[in-house]
Amino acid sequence: MIHQFMNLAGFMGYLYGDRVIESEHCVIPTQIRFPRTKRRRIQKKWRKNHKNFIDKPGMLKTPFGIVCHPSILRKLKVQV
C-alpha cells in the first residue's frame, strides 16, 4: 500500500488546514443487492456475501489529514 503525500500548496494550499493523502485503497463498500424477504436471518446472510457489495471511492478525515481516493482528488483539483 503506497501513500503519496500531497501538500497541495501548488494549486490551493491546505484543504481546511489539513494535509491531503491520496490512496487507492480508500474505498467504501456499499451494498447494491438486497433480498426480497424481510426476514433477519436471510438479510444477515446477504450482508456476509461480498458479491452483493461494490466499492465506491471515498474520503476520510483523520487526525493526520484527509485521505481520499485518486478519482475524488482529480474532481477536487478541477473544481478549484
C-alpha atoms as a PDB file:
ATOM      1  CA  MET A   1       0.000   0.000   0.000  1.00  0.00           C
ATOM      2  CA  ILE A   2       1.660   3.152  -1.231  1.00  0.00           C
ATOM      3  CA  HIS A   3       0.526   6.540   0.049  1.00  0.00           C
ATOM      4  CA  GLN A   4       1.524   9.634  -1.850  1.00  0.00           C
ATOM      5  CA  PHE A   5       1.754  12.631   0.438  1.00  0.00           C
ATOM      6  CA  MET A   6       0.452  15.694  -1.328  1.00  0.00           C
ATOM      7  CA  ASN A   7       0.796  19.117   0.212  1.00  0.00           C
ATOM      8  CA  LEU A   8      -1.470  20.772  -2.394  1.00  0.00           C
ATOM      9  CA  ALA A   9       0.386  24.039  -1.824  1.00  0.00           C
ATOM     10  CA  GLY A  10       0.902  24.395  -5.557  1.00  0.00           C
ATOM     11  CA  PHE A  11      -2.705  24.988  -6.506  1.00  0.00           C
ATOM     12  CA  MET A  12      -4.838  25.514  -3.415  1.00  0.00           C
ATOM     13  CA  GLY A  13      -2.805  25.384  -0.225  1.00  0.00           C
ATOM     14  CA  TYR A  14      -4.063  23.220   2.568  1.00  0.00           C
ATOM     15  CA  LEU A  15      -7.591  21.907   2.436  1.00  0.00           C
ATOM     16  CA  TYR A  16      -9.095  23.327   5.657  1.00  0.00           C
ATOM     17  CA  GLY A  17      -5.556  23.389   7.072  1.00  0.00           C
ATOM     18  CA  ASP A  18      -5.071  19.625   6.652  1.00  0.00           C
ATOM     19  CA  ARG A  19      -2.677  17.607   4.525  1.00  0.00           C
ATOM     20  CA  VAL A  20      -4.306  15.564   1.749  1.00  0.00           C
ATOM     21  CA  ILE A  21      -3.140  11.964   1.303  1.00  0.00           C
ATOM     22  CA  GLU A  22      -4.005  10.099  -1.892  1.00  0.00           C
ATOM     23  CA  SER A  23      -4.679   6.373  -1.510  1.00  0.00           C
ATOM     24  CA  GLU A  24      -6.258   3.970  -3.962  1.00  0.00           C
ATOM     25  CA  HIS A  25      -7.328   1.815  -1.018  1.00  0.00           C
ATOM     26  CA  CYS A  26      -9.704   4.453   0.330  1.00  0.00           C
ATOM     27  CA  VAL A  27     -12.983   2.855  -0.750  1.00  0.00           C
ATOM     28  CA  ILE A  28     -16.330   2.479   0.986  1.00  0.00           C
ATOM     29  CA  PRO A  29     -18.216  -0.812   0.480  1.00  0.00           C
ATOM     30  CA  THR A  30     -21.851  -0.210  -0.476  1.00  0.00           C
ATOM     31  CA  GLN A  31     -24.489  -2.921  -0.650  1.00  0.00           C
ATOM     32  CA  ILE A  32     -26.210  -2.973  -4.044  1.00  0.00           C
ATOM     33  CA  ARG A  33     -28.287  -6.163  -3.880  1.00  0.00           C
ATOM     34  CA  PHE A  34     -30.869  -6.810  -1.209  1.00  0.00           C
ATOM     35  CA  PRO A  35     -33.072  -9.855  -0.512  1.00  0.00           C
ATOM     36  CA  ARG A  36     -36.776  -9.659  -1.292  1.00  0.00           C
ATOM     37  CA  THR A  37     -37.705 -11.110   2.066  1.00  0.00           C
ATOM     38  CA  LYS A  38     -37.788  -9.118   5.303  1.00  0.00           C
ATOM     39  CA  ARG A  39     -36.500 -11.987   7.428  1.00  0.00           C
ATOM     40  CA  ARG A  40     -33.494 -11.035   9.560  1.00  0.00           C
ATOM     41  CA  ARG A  41     -31.752 -14.396   9.054  1.00  0.00           C
ATOM     42  CA  ILE A  42     -31.744 -14.005   5.260  1.00  0.00           C
ATOM     43  CA  GLN A  43     -30.667 -10.353   5.459  1.00  0.00           C
ATOM     44  CA  LYS A  44     -27.737 -11.367   7.667  1.00  0.00           C
ATOM     45  CA  LYS A  45     -26.638 -13.977   5.108  1.00  0.00           C
ATOM     46  CA  TRP A  46     -26.804 -11.416   2.308  1.00  0.00           C
ATOM     47  CA  ARG A  47     -24.696  -8.960   4.324  1.00  0.00           C
ATOM     48  CA  LYS A  48     -21.932 -11.557   4.678  1.00  0.00           C
ATOM     49  CA  ASN A  49     -21.750 -12.253   0.922  1.00  0.00           C
ATOM     50  CA  HIS A  50     -19.185  -9.979  -0.749  1.00  0.00           C
ATOM     51  CA  LYS A  51     -20.868 -10.373  -4.163  1.00  0.00           C
ATOM     52  CA  ASN A  52     -23.684  -8.091  -3.001  1.00  0.00           C
ATOM     53  CA  PHE A  53     -21.318  -5.138  -2.469  1.00  0.00           C
ATOM     54  CA  ILE A  54     -19.366  -2.742  -4.674  1.00  0.00           C
ATOM     55  CA  ASP A  55     -16.524  -0.452  -3.637  1.00  0.00           C
ATOM     56  CA  LYS A  56     -17.124   3.258  -4.162  1.00  0.00           C
ATOM     57  CA  PRO A  57     -14.343   5.840  -3.909  1.00  0.00           C
ATOM     58  CA  GLY A  58     -14.335   7.530  -0.530  1.00  0.00           C
ATOM     59  CA  MET A  59     -12.869  10.340   1.512  1.00  0.00           C
ATOM     60  CA  LEU A  60     -11.998  10.146   5.218  1.00  0.00           C
ATOM     61  CA  LYS A  61     -10.990  12.788   7.754  1.00  0.00           C
ATOM     62  CA  THR A  62      -8.261  11.522  10.069  1.00  0.00           C
ATOM     63  CA  PRO A  63      -6.186  13.217  12.798  1.00  0.00           C
ATOM     64  CA  PHE A  64      -3.157  13.417  10.476  1.00  0.00           C
ATOM     65  CA  GLY A  65      -5.025  14.767   7.440  1.00  0.00           C
ATOM     66  CA  ILE A  66      -7.569  13.884   4.782  1.00  0.00           C
ATOM     67  CA  VAL A  67      -7.302  10.540   2.986  1.00  0.00           C
ATOM     68  CA  CYS A  68      -9.077  10.375  -0.369  1.00  0.00           C
ATOM     69  CA  HIS A  69      -9.296   8.220  -3.469  1.00  0.00           C
ATOM     70  CA  PRO A  70      -7.429   9.487  -6.582  1.00  0.00           C
ATOM     71  CA  SER A  71     -10.667   9.961  -8.550  1.00  0.00           C
ATOM     72  CA  ILE A  72     -12.073  12.247  -5.843  1.00  0.00           C
ATOM     73  CA  LEU A  73      -8.804  14.176  -5.718  1.00  0.00           C
ATOM     74  CA  ARG A  74      -8.982  14.752  -9.500  1.00  0.00           C
ATOM     75  CA  LYS A  75     -12.521  16.130  -9.138  1.00  0.00           C
ATOM     76  CA  LEU A  76     -11.338  18.360  -6.296  1.00  0.00           C
ATOM     77  CA  LYS A  77      -8.486  19.770  -8.414  1.00  0.00           C
ATOM     78  CA  VAL A  78     -10.859  20.522 -11.317  1.00  0.00           C
ATOM     79  CA  GLN A  79     -13.308  22.407  -9.081  1.00  0.00           C
ATOM     80  CA  VAL A  80     -10.563  24.607  -7.628  1.00  0.00           C
END
